[in-house]
Amino acid sequence: MSRKLFGTDGVRGQANSGHMTAEVALKLGAAAGRYFRRDNSRGHRVVIGKDTRLSGYMFENALTAGLTSTGMNVLLLGPVPTPAVGYLTRSMRADLGIMISASHNPAKDNGIKFFGPDGFKLSDAAEAEIEAMLDQEIRLAQPENIGRAKRIDDGLGRYVEYAKTTFPKGGRQGLKVVVDCANGAAYRAAPAVLWELGCEVIPVGVSPDGRNINENCGSTHTQTCAEAVVAHGADLGISLDGDADRVMIIDETGHVADGDQIMALFAARWAESGQLRGGALVATVMRNTGLGRF
């Protein structure tokens, strides 16, 4: 099936125009709910996270209405990083995860990204099938089977604890770190994780107002984080984007390391310690030729 609505990373566009309207989100929620709820049994659930965009409230409510109309129970996480939605979809045994975000795009944009029960992005085929359902009459749940929706207060805490477990034991006591959260989804999670691991944290971009996400901050504007690193004499800078699924790393001099350099560093260290599985580094076609030669 061909896809017109879904792009390479979900549905995305300018909020309240084109295909990024509450009406489309309502239909999309109903289609996704029916796709994942193929029988009349109860207990189907979906987790929904979002970044800090003003339009996130609109899309959250529209998706919830569509999903509950097909019998899905909706668990609302509030502002959390995109990786948190992937993790919590699997951890909470949800049938579906949804992240409402336009990533590094400006505040006027927004997007909807789906995760399967395994916590990974849906396949192109699944997205195409859901999109095709938008042109059909979607079968709604019987009145007694309409889903419920509720806020999950401990979702962020669950993810913070998980993120800490991925770090080597012992923490980094005294390491001074600037973290730029782009006034986005990680504005609470990232500083909390770093501080609890033992770092001295200088948070930047942690005052979201619904309109300032990615504005002169974050991974698309690394100058803000670099200047803070130098000004505070920090050991490291971490610059995230609006939904915290991409990162730029800055050294103690304010120099930005790109993704190829970071991957090369990890690969070399892991190769030396025998941790590089298969002796290989897998990268996308966007990587620089220099990385391949290295």
C-alpha atoms as a PDB file:
ATOM      1  CA  MET A   1       0.000   0.000   0.000  1.00  0.00           C
ATOM      2  CA  SER A   2       1.163   3.544  -0.658  1.00  0.00           C
ATOM      3  CA  ARG A   3       1.363   6.140   2.115  1.00  0.00           C
ATOM      4  CA  LYS A   4       0.385   9.772   1.621  1.00  0.00           C
ATOM      5  CA  LEU A   5      -0.205  10.818   5.230  1.00  0.00           C
ATOM      6  CA  PHE A   6       2.699   9.050   6.907  1.00  0.00           C
ATOM      7  CA  GLY A   7       6.235  10.188   6.190  1.00  0.00           C
ATOM      8  CA  THR A   8       9.541   8.710   7.289  1.00  0.00           C
ATOM      9  CA  ASP A   9       8.775   9.522  10.927  1.00  0.00           C
ATOM     10  CA  GLY A  10       5.018   9.439  11.408  1.00  0.00           C
ATOM     11  CA  VAL A  11       2.542  12.158  10.449  1.00  0.00           C
ATOM     12  CA  ARG A  12       3.919  15.681  10.614  1.00  0.00           C
ATOM     13  CA  GLY A  13       3.019  19.202   9.508  1.00  0.00           C
ATOM     14  CA  GLN A  14       1.885  22.635  10.619  1.00  0.00           C
ATOM     15  CA  ALA A  15      -0.701  22.431  13.390  1.00  0.00           C
ATOM     16  CA  ASN A  16      -4.291  23.339  12.474  1.00  0.00           C
ATOM     17  CA  SER A  17      -3.661  23.165   8.744  1.00  0.00           C
ATOM     18  CA  GLY A  18      -3.490  20.528   6.021  1.00  0.00           C
ATOM     19  CA  HIS A  19      -3.540  17.050   7.540  1.00  0.00           C
ATOM     20  CA  MET A  20      -2.461  18.180  11.016  1.00  0.00           C
ATOM     21  CA  THR A  21      -5.913  19.046  12.369  1.00  0.00           C
ATOM     22  CA  ALA A  22      -7.926  17.776  15.306  1.00  0.00           C
ATOM     23  CA  GLU A  23     -10.375  16.174  12.866  1.00  0.00           C
ATOM     24  CA  VAL A  24      -7.671  14.109  11.192  1.00  0.00           C
ATOM     25  CA  ALA A  25      -6.157  13.186  14.561  1.00  0.00           C
ATOM     26  CA  LEU A  26      -9.577  11.975  15.738  1.00  0.00           C
ATOM     27  CA  LYS A  27      -9.922   9.720  12.686  1.00  0.00           C
ATOM     28  CA  LEU A  28      -6.318   8.579  12.992  1.00  0.00           C
ATOM     29  CA  GLY A  29      -6.871   7.620  16.620  1.00  0.00           C
ATOM     30  CA  ALA A  30      -9.981   5.639  15.708  1.00  0.00           C
ATOM     31  CA  ALA A  31      -8.185   3.899  12.835  1.00  0.00           C
ATOM     32  CA  ALA A  32      -5.202   2.974  15.003  1.00  0.00           C
ATOM     33  CA  GLY A  33      -7.522   1.807  17.756  1.00  0.00           C
ATOM     34  CA  ARG A  34      -9.445  -0.466  15.391  1.00  0.00           C
ATOM     35  CA  TYR A  35      -6.216  -1.765  13.820  1.00  0.00           C
ATOM     36  CA  PHE A  36      -4.856  -2.863  17.204  1.00  0.00           C
ATOM     37  CA  ARG A  37      -8.210  -3.933  18.652  1.00  0.00           C
ATOM     38  CA  ARG A  38      -9.355  -6.626  16.257  1.00  0.00           C
ATOM     39  CA  ASP A  39     -11.690  -8.441  18.662  1.00  0.00           C
ATOM     40  CA  ASN A  40     -14.289  -7.595  21.307  1.00  0.00           C
ATOM     41  CA  SER A  41     -12.153  -8.420  24.340  1.00  0.00           C
ATOM     42  CA  ARG A  42     -11.365  -5.745  26.908  1.00  0.00           C
ATOM     43  CA  GLY A  43      -8.061  -4.632  28.325  1.00  0.00           C
ATOM     44  CA  HIS A  44      -6.572  -3.047  25.214  1.00  0.00           C
ATOM     45  CA  ARG A  45      -4.458  -0.049  26.117  1.00  0.00           C
ATOM     46  CA  VAL A  46      -2.418   2.709  24.516  1.00  0.00           C
ATOM     47  CA  VAL A  47       0.063   5.108  26.081  1.00  0.00           C
ATOM     48  CA  ILE A  48       0.320   8.668  24.781  1.00  0.00           C
ATOM     49  CA  GLY A  49       3.222  11.031  25.412  1.00  0.00           C
ATOM     50  CA  LYS A  50       3.863  14.497  24.034  1.00  0.00           C
ATOM     51  CA  ASP A  51       6.380  17.304  23.971  1.00  0.00           C
ATOM     52  CA  THR A  52       5.662  20.838  25.190  1.00  0.00           C
ATOM     53  CA  ARG A  53       4.005  22.373  22.108  1.00  0.00           C
ATOM     54  CA  LEU A  54       0.782  24.286  22.689  1.00  0.00           C
ATOM     55  CA  SER A  55      -0.992  22.198  20.041  1.00  0.00           C
ATOM     56  CA  GLY A  56      -0.148  19.039  21.973  1.00  0.00           C
ATOM     57  CA  TYR A  57      -3.252  19.501  24.131  1.00  0.00           C
ATOM     58  CA  MET A  58      -5.469  19.568  21.038  1.00  0.00           C
ATOM     59  CA  PHE A  59      -3.965  16.466  19.461  1.00  0.00           C
ATOM     60  CA  GLU A  60      -3.853  14.591  22.759  1.00  0.00           C
ATOM     61  CA  ASN A  61      -7.590  15.092  23.272  1.00  0.00           C
ATOM     62  CA  ALA A  62      -8.483  14.316  19.651  1.00  0.00           C
ATOM     63  CA  LEU A  63      -6.458  11.102  19.608  1.00  0.00           C
ATOM     64  CA  THR A  64      -7.936  10.074  22.960  1.00  0.00           C
ATOM     65  CA  ALA A  65     -11.469  10.536  21.643  1.00  0.00           C
ATOM     66  CA  GLY A  66     -10.757   8.459  18.566  1.00  0.00           C
ATOM     67  CA  LEU A  67      -9.013   5.694  20.477  1.00  0.00           C
ATOM     68  CA  THR A  68     -11.626   5.373  23.221  1.00  0.00           C
ATOM     69  CA  SER A  69     -14.389   5.294  20.600  1.00  0.00           C
ATOM     70  CA  THR A  70     -12.978   1.986  19.399  1.00  0.00           C
ATOM     71  CA  GLY A  71     -12.612   0.571  22.900  1.00  0.00           C
ATOM     72  CA  MET A  72      -8.984   1.388  23.656  1.00  0.00           C
ATOM     73  CA  ASN A  73      -8.050   2.443  27.186  1.00  0.00           C
ATOM     74  CA  VAL A  74      -5.765   5.474  27.044  1.00  0.00           C
ATOM     75  CA  LEU A  75      -2.932   6.199  29.493  1.00  0.00           C
ATOM     76  CA  LEU A  76      -1.749   9.806  29.255  1.00  0.00           C
ATOM     77  CA  LEU A  77       1.904  10.356  30.179  1.00  0.00           C
ATOM     78  CA  GLY A  78       2.144  14.108  29.636  1.00  0.00           C
ATOM     79  CA  PRO A  79       5.455  15.626  28.469  1.00  0.00           C
ATOM     80  CA  VAL A  80       8.052  12.838  28.209  1.00  0.00           C
ATOM     81  CA  PRO A  81      10.924  12.083  25.804  1.00  0.00           C
ATOM     82  CA  THR A  82      10.097  10.012  22.736  1.00  0.00           C
ATOM     83  CA  PRO A  83      12.282   7.114  23.977  1.00  0.00           C
ATOM     84  CA  ALA A  84      10.137   7.054  27.146  1.00  0.00           C
ATOM     85  CA  VAL A  85       7.047   6.287  25.064  1.00  0.00           C
ATOM     86  CA  GLY A  86       8.838   3.395  23.368  1.00  0.00           C
ATOM     87  CA  TYR A  87      10.005   2.032  26.708  1.00  0.00           C
ATOM     88  CA  LEU A  88       6.686   2.478  28.548  1.00  0.00           C
ATOM     89  CA  THR A  89       4.663   0.963  25.691  1.00  0.00           C
ATOM     90  CA  ARG A  90       6.527  -2.275  26.230  1.00  0.00           C
ATOM     91  CA  SER A  91       6.864  -1.968  30.025  1.00  0.00           C
ATOM     92  CA  MET A  92       3.157  -1.284  30.582  1.00  0.00           C
ATOM     93  CA  ARG A  93       2.099  -4.025  28.148  1.00  0.00           C
ATOM     94  CA  ALA A  94       0.313  -1.571  25.902  1.00  0.00           C
ATOM     95  CA  ASP A  95      -0.897  -2.536  22.443  1.00  0.00           C
ATOM     96  CA  LEU A  96       0.163   0.808  21.035  1.00  0.00           C
ATOM     97  CA  GLY A  97       2.272   3.843  21.902  1.00  0.00           C
ATOM     98  CA  ILE A  98       1.870   7.340  20.489  1.00  0.00           C
ATOM     99  CA  MET A  99       4.212  10.327  20.689  1.00  0.00           C
ATOM    100  CA  ILE A 100       2.839  13.753  19.813  1.00  0.00           C
ATOM    101  CA  SER A 101       5.790  15.805  18.620  1.00  0.00           C
ATOM    102  CA  ALA A 102       7.441  17.433  15.624  1.00  0.00           C
ATOM    103  CA  SER A 103      10.894  16.714  17.031  1.00  0.00           C
ATOM    104  CA  HIS A 104      13.362  19.487  16.133  1.00  0.00           C
ATOM    105  CA  ASN A 105      10.821  21.505  14.116  1.00  0.00           C
ATOM    106  CA  PRO A 106       9.503  24.894  15.287  1.00  0.00           C
ATOM    107  CA  ALA A 107       6.590  25.223  17.713  1.00  0.00           C
ATOM    108  CA  LYS A 108       3.999  25.842  14.984  1.00  0.00           C
ATOM    109  CA  ASP A 109       4.493  22.275  13.728  1.00  0.00           C
ATOM    110  CA  ASN A 110       3.449  19.033  15.332  1.00  0.00           C
ATOM    111  CA  GLY A 111       3.389  15.343  14.547  1.00  0.00           C
ATOM    112  CA  ILE A 112       2.041  11.938  15.548  1.00  0.00           C
ATOM    113  CA  LYS A 113       4.308   8.914  15.748  1.00  0.00           C
ATOM    114  CA  PHE A 114       3.154   5.346  16.474  1.00  0.00           C
ATOM    115  CA  PHE A 115       4.963   2.563  18.331  1.00  0.00           C
ATOM    116  CA  GLY A 116       4.023  -1.105  18.290  1.00  0.00           C
ATOM    117  CA  PRO A 117       3.703  -3.277  21.414  1.00  0.00           C
ATOM    118  CA  ASP A 118       7.430  -4.054  21.176  1.00  0.00           C
ATOM    119  CA  GLY A 119       8.235  -0.375  21.733  1.00  0.00           C
ATOM    120  CA  PHE A 120       9.578   0.157  18.217  1.00  0.00           C
ATOM    121  CA  LYS A 121       8.250   2.335  15.394  1.00  0.00           C
ATOM    122  CA  LEU A 122       5.499   0.743  13.322  1.00  0.00           C
ATOM    123  CA  SER A 123       6.416  -0.831  10.015  1.00  0.00           C
ATOM    124  CA  ASP A 124       5.644   0.988   6.767  1.00  0.00           C
ATOM    125  CA  ALA A 125       3.084  -1.712   5.980  1.00  0.00           C
ATOM    126  CA  ALA A 126       1.233  -1.185   9.274  1.00  0.00           C
ATOM    127  CA  GLU A 127       1.197   2.587   8.768  1.00  0.00           C
ATOM    128  CA  ALA A 128      -0.150   2.139   5.241  1.00  0.00           C
ATOM    129  CA  GLU A 129      -2.927  -0.128   6.498  1.00  0.00           C
ATOM    130  CA  ILE A 130      -3.933   2.372   9.199  1.00  0.00           C
ATOM    131  CA  GLU A 131      -3.890   5.200   6.668  1.00  0.00           C
ATOM    132  CA  ALA A 132      -6.106   3.224   4.282  1.00  0.00           C
ATOM    133  CA  MET A 133      -8.703   2.867   7.050  1.00  0.00           C
ATOM    134  CA  LEU A 134      -9.213   6.645   7.078  1.00  0.00           C
ATOM    135  CA  ASP A 135     -11.159   6.355   3.811  1.00  0.00           C
ATOM    136  CA  GLN A 136     -13.451   3.695   5.252  1.00  0.00           C
ATOM    137  CA  GLU A 137     -16.184   3.696   7.874  1.00  0.00           C
ATOM    138  CA  ILE A 138     -14.408   2.641  11.061  1.00  0.00           C
ATOM    139  CA  ARG A 139     -16.315   0.203  13.227  1.00  0.00           C
ATOM    140  CA  LEU A 140     -16.863   1.777  16.649  1.00  0.00           C
ATOM    141  CA  ALA A 141     -17.149  -0.010  19.983  1.00  0.00           C
ATOM    142  CA  GLN A 142     -20.492  -0.838  21.549  1.00  0.00           C
ATOM    143  CA  PRO A 143     -21.528   1.661  24.259  1.00  0.00           C
ATOM    144  CA  GLU A 144     -20.560  -0.726  27.044  1.00  0.00           C
ATOM    145  CA  ASN A 145     -17.103  -1.235  25.499  1.00  0.00           C
ATOM    146  CA  ILE A 146     -16.063   2.415  25.050  1.00  0.00           C
ATOM    147  CA  GLY A 147     -12.586   2.910  26.467  1.00  0.00           C
ATOM    148  CA  ARG A 148     -11.439   4.951  29.450  1.00  0.00           C
ATOM    149  CA  ALA A 149      -8.694   7.558  29.715  1.00  0.00           C
ATOM    150  CA  LYS A 150      -6.575   8.509  32.699  1.00  0.00           C
ATOM    151  CA  ARG A 151      -3.367  10.349  33.506  1.00  0.00           C
ATOM    152  CA  ILE A 152      -0.366   8.298  34.608  1.00  0.00           C
ATOM    153  CA  ASP A 153       1.498  10.304  37.234  1.00  0.00           C
ATOM    154  CA  ASP A 154       4.473   7.967  37.613  1.00  0.00           C
ATOM    155  CA  GLY A 155       5.318   7.530  33.915  1.00  0.00           C
ATOM    156  CA  LEU A 156       8.176  10.010  34.012  1.00  0.00           C
ATOM    157  CA  GLY A 157       9.569   8.473  37.195  1.00  0.00           C
ATOM    158  CA  ARG A 158       9.501   5.007  35.664  1.00  0.00           C
ATOM    159  CA  TYR A 159      11.515   6.213  32.703  1.00  0.00           C
ATOM    160  CA  VAL A 160      14.015   8.122  34.857  1.00  0.00           C
ATOM    161  CA  GLU A 161      14.737   4.972  36.843  1.00  0.00           C
ATOM    162  CA  TYR A 162      15.118   2.927  33.652  1.00  0.00           C
ATOM    163  CA  ALA A 163      17.459   5.483  32.088  1.00  0.00           C
ATOM    164  CA  LYS A 164      19.693   5.319  35.165  1.00  0.00           C
ATOM    165  CA  THR A 165      20.026   1.547  34.847  1.00  0.00           C
ATOM    166  CA  THR A 166      21.570   1.924  31.370  1.00  0.00           C
ATOM    167  CA  PHE A 167      24.532   3.823  32.825  1.00  0.00           C
ATOM    168  CA  PRO A 168      27.625   2.047  34.240  1.00  0.00           C
ATOM    169  CA  LYS A 169      27.507   1.660  38.006  1.00  0.00           C
ATOM    170  CA  GLY A 170      29.309   4.203  40.138  1.00  0.00           C
ATOM    171  CA  GLY A 171      27.929   7.333  38.478  1.00  0.00           C
ATOM    172  CA  ARG A 172      30.029  10.356  37.712  1.00  0.00           C
ATOM    173  CA  GLN A 173      30.398  12.196  41.003  1.00  0.00           C
ATOM    174  CA  GLY A 174      31.389  15.826  40.494  1.00  0.00           C
ATOM    175  CA  LEU A 175      31.179  15.823  36.698  1.00  0.00           C
ATOM    176  CA  LYS A 176      29.818  19.215  35.678  1.00  0.00           C
ATOM    177  CA  VAL A 177      27.337  18.886  32.822  1.00  0.00           C
ATOM    178  CA  VAL A 178      25.323  21.443  30.883  1.00  0.00           C
ATOM    179  CA  VAL A 179      22.150  19.886  29.495  1.00  0.00           C
ATOM    180  CA  ASP A 180      20.083  21.859  26.989  1.00  0.00           C
ATOM    181  CA  CYS A 181      16.566  20.423  26.879  1.00  0.00           C
ATOM    182  CA  ALA A 182      15.322  22.702  24.066  1.00  0.00           C
ATOM    183  CA  ASN A 183      12.341  23.752  26.207  1.00  0.00           C
ATOM    184  CA  GLY A 184      10.969  20.402  25.126  1.00  0.00           C
ATOM    185  CA  ALA A 185       9.935  16.970  26.297  1.00  0.00           C
ATOM    186  CA  ALA A 186      13.042  16.231  28.401  1.00  0.00           C
ATOM    187  CA  TYR A 187      12.957  19.426  30.456  1.00  0.00           C
ATOM    188  CA  ARG A 188      12.261  17.430  33.625  1.00  0.00           C
ATOM    189  CA  ALA A 189      13.693  13.999  32.809  1.00  0.00           C
ATOM    190  CA  ALA A 190      17.199  14.872  31.599  1.00  0.00           C
ATOM    191  CA  PRO A 191      18.303  17.068  34.543  1.00  0.00           C
ATOM    192  CA  ALA A 192      16.815  14.549  36.988  1.00  0.00           C
ATOM    193  CA  VAL A 193      18.671  11.567  35.500  1.00  0.00           C
ATOM    194  CA  LEU A 194      22.013  13.375  35.380  1.00  0.00           C
ATOM    195  CA  TRP A 195      21.716  14.748  38.915  1.00  0.00           C
ATOM    196  CA  GLU A 196      20.712  11.375  40.362  1.00  0.00           C
ATOM    197  CA  LEU A 197      23.739   9.819  38.652  1.00  0.00           C
ATOM    198  CA  GLY A 198      25.961  12.178  40.646  1.00  0.00           C
ATOM    199  CA  CYS A 199      26.581  15.024  38.197  1.00  0.00           C
ATOM    200  CA  GLU A 200      26.550  18.721  38.892  1.00  0.00           C
ATOM    201  CA  VAL A 201      23.886  19.850  36.439  1.00  0.00           C
ATOM    202  CA  ILE A 202      23.492  23.213  34.733  1.00  0.00           C
ATOM    203  CA  PRO A 203      20.077  22.995  33.004  1.00  0.00           C
ATOM    204  CA  VAL A 204      19.331  25.108  29.926  1.00  0.00           C
ATOM    205  CA  GLY A 205      16.086  25.279  27.955  1.00  0.00           C
ATOM    206  CA  VAL A 206      13.920  24.042  30.815  1.00  0.00           C
ATOM    207  CA  SER A 207      11.235  26.751  30.814  1.00  0.00           C
ATOM    208  CA  PRO A 208       8.726  25.653  28.174  1.00  0.00           C
ATOM    209  CA  ASP A 209       5.760  27.937  27.500  1.00  0.00           C
ATOM    210  CA  GLY A 210       4.197  26.051  24.597  1.00  0.00           C
ATOM    211  CA  ARG A 211       5.768  28.311  21.999  1.00  0.00           C
ATOM    212  CA  ASN A 212       9.521  28.340  22.686  1.00  0.00           C
ATOM    213  CA  ILE A 213      10.421  24.716  21.946  1.00  0.00           C
ATOM    214  CA  ASN A 214      13.666  24.550  19.890  1.00  0.00           C
ATOM    215  CA  GLU A 215      13.794  28.360  19.821  1.00  0.00           C
ATOM    216  CA  ASN A 216      17.460  29.429  19.933  1.00  0.00           C
ATOM    217  CA  CYS A 217      18.269  26.313  21.937  1.00  0.00           C
ATOM    218  CA  GLY A 218      18.584  22.556  21.625  1.00  0.00           C
ATOM    219  CA  SER A 219      20.383  20.376  19.094  1.00  0.00           C
ATOM    220  CA  THR A 220      19.535  22.660  16.168  1.00  0.00           C
ATOM    221  CA  HIS A 221      21.092  25.662  17.937  1.00  0.00           C
ATOM    222  CA  THR A 222      24.103  24.243  19.770  1.00  0.00           C
ATOM    223  CA  GLN A 223      25.625  27.674  20.329  1.00  0.00           C
ATOM    224  CA  THR A 224      23.463  28.146  23.434  1.00  0.00           C
ATOM    225  CA  CYS A 225      24.767  24.976  25.068  1.00  0.00           C
ATOM    226  CA  ALA A 226      28.355  25.589  23.930  1.00  0.00           C
ATOM    227  CA  GLU A 227      28.383  29.075  25.428  1.00  0.00           C
ATOM    228  CA  ALA A 228      27.000  27.737  28.708  1.00  0.00           C
ATOM    229  CA  VAL A 229      29.686  25.027  28.828  1.00  0.00           C
ATOM    230  CA  VAL A 230      32.449  27.618  28.502  1.00  0.00           C
ATOM    231  CA  ALA A 231      30.802  30.107  30.864  1.00  0.00           C
ATOM    232  CA  HIS A 232      30.347  27.531  33.643  1.00  0.00           C
ATOM    233  CA  GLY A 233      33.616  25.687  33.075  1.00  0.00           C
ATOM    234  CA  ALA A 234      31.658  22.483  32.514  1.00  0.00           C
ATOM    235  CA  ASP A 235      33.190  19.147  31.539  1.00  0.00           C
ATOM    236  CA  LEU A 236      30.514  18.317  28.985  1.00  0.00           C
ATOM    237  CA  GLY A 237      27.505  19.686  27.149  1.00  0.00           C
ATOM    238  CA  ILE A 238      24.472  17.644  26.102  1.00  0.00           C
ATOM    239  CA  SER A 239      22.119  19.323  23.641  1.00  0.00           C
ATOM    240  CA  LEU A 240      18.786  17.600  22.959  1.00  0.00           C
ATOM    241  CA  ASP A 241      16.012  18.357  20.507  1.00  0.00           C
ATOM    242  CA  GLY A 242      12.346  18.985  21.253  1.00  0.00           C
ATOM    243  CA  ASP A 243      11.385  15.357  21.873  1.00  0.00           C
ATOM    244  CA  ALA A 244      14.832  14.208  23.057  1.00  0.00           C
ATOM    245  CA  ASP A 245      15.423  11.498  20.469  1.00  0.00           C
ATOM    246  CA  ARG A 246      18.524  13.162  19.057  1.00  0.00           C
ATOM    247  CA  VAL A 247      21.579  14.618  20.777  1.00  0.00           C
ATOM    248  CA  MET A 248      24.610  16.775  20.084  1.00  0.00           C
ATOM    249  CA  ILE A 249      27.613  16.478  22.404  1.00  0.00           C
ATOM    250  CA  ILE A 250      29.885  19.429  23.254  1.00  0.00           C
ATOM    251  CA  ASP A 251      33.329  19.128  24.830  1.00  0.00           C
ATOM    252  CA  GLU A 252      34.807  21.299  27.572  1.00  0.00           C
ATOM    253  CA  THR A 253      36.099  23.850  25.060  1.00  0.00           C
ATOM    254  CA  GLY A 254      32.676  24.406  23.489  1.00  0.00           C
ATOM    255  CA  HIS A 255      33.478  22.320  20.404  1.00  0.00           C
ATOM    256  CA  VAL A 256      30.549  20.363  18.960  1.00  0.00           C
ATOM    257  CA  ALA A 257      31.111  16.684  18.172  1.00  0.00           C
ATOM    258  CA  ASP A 258      28.917  15.404  15.365  1.00  0.00           C
ATOM    259  CA  GLY A 259      27.206  12.038  15.250  1.00  0.00           C
ATOM    260  CA  ASP A 260      29.933  10.368  13.204  1.00  0.00           C
ATOM    261  CA  GLN A 261      32.561  11.353  15.744  1.00  0.00           C
ATOM    262  CA  ILE A 262      30.454  10.061  18.625  1.00  0.00           C
ATOM    263  CA  MET A 263      29.848   6.730  16.894  1.00  0.00           C
ATOM    264  CA  ALA A 264      33.554   6.444  16.077  1.00  0.00           C
ATOM    265  CA  LEU A 265      34.444   7.070  19.718  1.00  0.00           C
ATOM    266  CA  PHE A 266      32.028   4.418  20.990  1.00  0.00           C
ATOM    267  CA  ALA A 267      33.064   1.885  18.351  1.00  0.00           C
ATOM    268  CA  ALA A 268      36.778   2.330  19.074  1.00  0.00           C
ATOM    269  CA  ARG A 269      36.330   2.042  22.839  1.00  0.00           C
ATOM    270  CA  TRP A 270      34.080  -0.987  22.561  1.00  0.00           C
ATOM    271  CA  ALA A 271      36.407  -2.663  20.078  1.00  0.00           C
ATOM    272  CA  GLU A 272      39.304  -2.227  22.505  1.00  0.00           C
ATOM    273  CA  SER A 273      37.306  -3.784  25.346  1.00  0.00           C
ATOM    274  CA  GLY A 274      35.826  -6.593  23.252  1.00  0.00           C
ATOM    275  CA  GLN A 275      32.278  -5.227  23.552  1.00  0.00           C
ATOM    276  CA  LEU A 276      31.746  -4.367  19.874  1.00  0.00           C
ATOM    277  CA  ARG A 277      29.389  -7.147  18.857  1.00  0.00           C
ATOM    278  CA  GLY A 278      30.335  -8.637  15.505  1.00  0.00           C
ATOM    279  CA  GLY A 279      33.273  -6.239  15.279  1.00  0.00           C
ATOM    280  CA  ALA A 280      31.044  -3.894  13.294  1.00  0.00           C
ATOM    281  CA  LEU A 281      29.460  -0.462  13.428  1.00  0.00           C
ATOM    282  CA  VAL A 282      26.123  -0.011  11.665  1.00  0.00           C
ATOM    283  CA  ALA A 283      25.307   3.500  10.428  1.00  0.00           C
ATOM    284  CA  THR A 284      22.832   5.075   8.022  1.00  0.00           C
ATOM    285  CA  VAL A 285      23.614   6.225   4.482  1.00  0.00           C
ATOM    286  CA  MET A 286      23.941   9.739   5.925  1.00  0.00           C
ATOM    287  CA  ARG A 287      27.248   8.927   7.594  1.00  0.00           C
ATOM    288  CA  ASN A 288      30.449  10.520   6.343  1.00  0.00           C
ATOM    289  CA  THR A 289      32.935   8.525   4.271  1.00  0.00           C
ATOM    290  CA  GLY A 290      35.541   9.316   6.914  1.00  0.00           C
ATOM    291  CA  LEU A 291      33.648   7.228   9.440  1.00  0.00           C
ATOM    292  CA  GLY A 292      33.790   4.203   7.154  1.00  0.00           C
ATOM    293  CA  ARG A 293      37.509   4.644   6.662  1.00  0.00           C
ATOM    294  CA  PHE A 294      38.081   5.004  10.386  1.00  0.00           C
END
